[in-house]
Amino acid sequence: MSNLICRFNWLPLRIVVGKRASEGIVEVKERLTGDSEEVHIDDLMTVITNKYDNLK
């Protein structure tokens, strides 16, 4: 269980580079909730920063 908690503390988000990568779209997924959204790579750092700040 402690390994699972540690994993969530260090890597709260998962970035999925999939089929739409050629269009500049990636998926950002929150590991704890499973919520995900598609994001253009130009907005990726802003989205990651906002999501990480909200997880604290």
C-alpha atoms as a PDB file:
ATOM      1  CA  MET A   1       0.000   0.000   0.000  1.00  0.00           C
ATOM      2  CA  SER A   2       2.803   2.464   0.817  1.00  0.00           C
ATOM      3  CA  ASN A   3       4.261   1.957  -2.672  1.00  0.00           C
ATOM      4  CA  LEU A   4       0.894   2.864  -4.175  1.00  0.00           C
ATOM      5  CA  ILE A   5       0.636   6.027  -2.080  1.00  0.00           C
ATOM      6  CA  CYS A   6       4.202   6.999  -2.946  1.00  0.00           C
ATOM      7  CA  ARG A   7       3.501   6.486  -6.641  1.00  0.00           C
ATOM      8  CA  PHE A   8       0.506   8.801  -6.488  1.00  0.00           C
ATOM      9  CA  ASN A   9       2.502  11.432  -4.610  1.00  0.00           C
ATOM     10  CA  TRP A  10       5.256  11.528  -7.199  1.00  0.00           C
ATOM     11  CA  LEU A  11       3.325  10.967 -10.412  1.00  0.00           C
ATOM     12  CA  PRO A  12      -0.216  12.295  -9.982  1.00  0.00           C
ATOM     13  CA  LEU A  13      -0.781  12.786 -13.711  1.00  0.00           C
ATOM     14  CA  ARG A  14      -0.269  10.580 -16.736  1.00  0.00           C
ATOM     15  CA  ILE A  15       0.353  12.037 -20.189  1.00  0.00           C
ATOM     16  CA  VAL A  16      -0.767   9.740 -22.996  1.00  0.00           C
ATOM     17  CA  VAL A  17       0.683  10.331 -26.445  1.00  0.00           C
ATOM     18  CA  GLY A  18      -1.594   8.472 -28.811  1.00  0.00           C
ATOM     19  CA  LYS A  19      -3.090   8.522 -32.274  1.00  0.00           C
ATOM     20  CA  ARG A  20      -3.866  12.255 -32.194  1.00  0.00           C
ATOM     21  CA  ALA A  21      -0.256  13.234 -31.462  1.00  0.00           C
ATOM     22  CA  SER A  22       0.187  14.169 -35.120  1.00  0.00           C
ATOM     23  CA  GLU A  23      -2.542  16.781 -34.542  1.00  0.00           C
ATOM     24  CA  GLY A  24      -0.742  18.067 -31.439  1.00  0.00           C
ATOM     25  CA  ILE A  25      -3.268  16.487 -29.043  1.00  0.00           C
ATOM     26  CA  VAL A  26      -2.342  14.422 -25.966  1.00  0.00           C
ATOM     27  CA  GLU A  27      -4.421  13.054 -23.097  1.00  0.00           C
ATOM     28  CA  VAL A  28      -3.828  14.219 -19.519  1.00  0.00           C
ATOM     29  CA  LYS A  29      -5.188  11.759 -16.966  1.00  0.00           C
ATOM     30  CA  GLU A  30      -5.381  12.147 -13.186  1.00  0.00           C
ATOM     31  CA  ARG A  31      -4.285   8.883 -11.601  1.00  0.00           C
ATOM     32  CA  LEU A  32      -6.372   9.234  -8.433  1.00  0.00           C
ATOM     33  CA  THR A  33      -9.721  10.054 -10.040  1.00  0.00           C
ATOM     34  CA  GLY A  34      -9.309   8.634 -13.528  1.00  0.00           C
ATOM     35  CA  ASP A  35     -10.516  11.940 -14.988  1.00  0.00           C
ATOM     36  CA  SER A  36      -8.925  12.738 -18.321  1.00  0.00           C
ATOM     37  CA  GLU A  37      -9.004  15.410 -20.961  1.00  0.00           C
ATOM     38  CA  GLU A  38      -7.482  15.967 -24.364  1.00  0.00           C
ATOM     39  CA  VAL A  39      -5.100  18.902 -24.502  1.00  0.00           C
ATOM     40  CA  HIS A  40      -3.192  20.590 -27.291  1.00  0.00           C
ATOM     41  CA  ILE A  41       0.535  20.389 -26.639  1.00  0.00           C
ATOM     42  CA  ASP A  42       0.796  24.189 -26.706  1.00  0.00           C
ATOM     43  CA  ASP A  43      -1.400  24.237 -23.579  1.00  0.00           C
ATOM     44  CA  LEU A  44       0.122  21.185 -21.895  1.00  0.00           C
ATOM     45  CA  MET A  45       2.379  22.936 -19.352  1.00  0.00           C
ATOM     46  CA  THR A  46      -0.433  25.242 -18.240  1.00  0.00           C
ATOM     47  CA  VAL A  47      -2.843  22.332 -17.789  1.00  0.00           C
ATOM     48  CA  ILE A  48      -0.263  20.241 -15.905  1.00  0.00           C
ATOM     49  CA  THR A  49       0.615  23.149 -13.615  1.00  0.00           C
ATOM     50  CA  ASN A  50      -3.044  23.892 -12.856  1.00  0.00           C
ATOM     51  CA  LYS A  51      -3.919  20.241 -12.228  1.00  0.00           C
ATOM     52  CA  TYR A  52      -0.875  19.666 -10.032  1.00  0.00           C
ATOM     53  CA  ASP A  53      -1.623  22.776  -7.966  1.00  0.00           C
ATOM     54  CA  ASN A  54      -5.211  21.550  -7.460  1.00  0.00           C
ATOM     55  CA  LEU A  55      -3.988  18.136  -6.276  1.00  0.00           C
ATOM     56  CA  LYS A  56      -1.962  19.593  -3.402  1.00  0.00           C
END
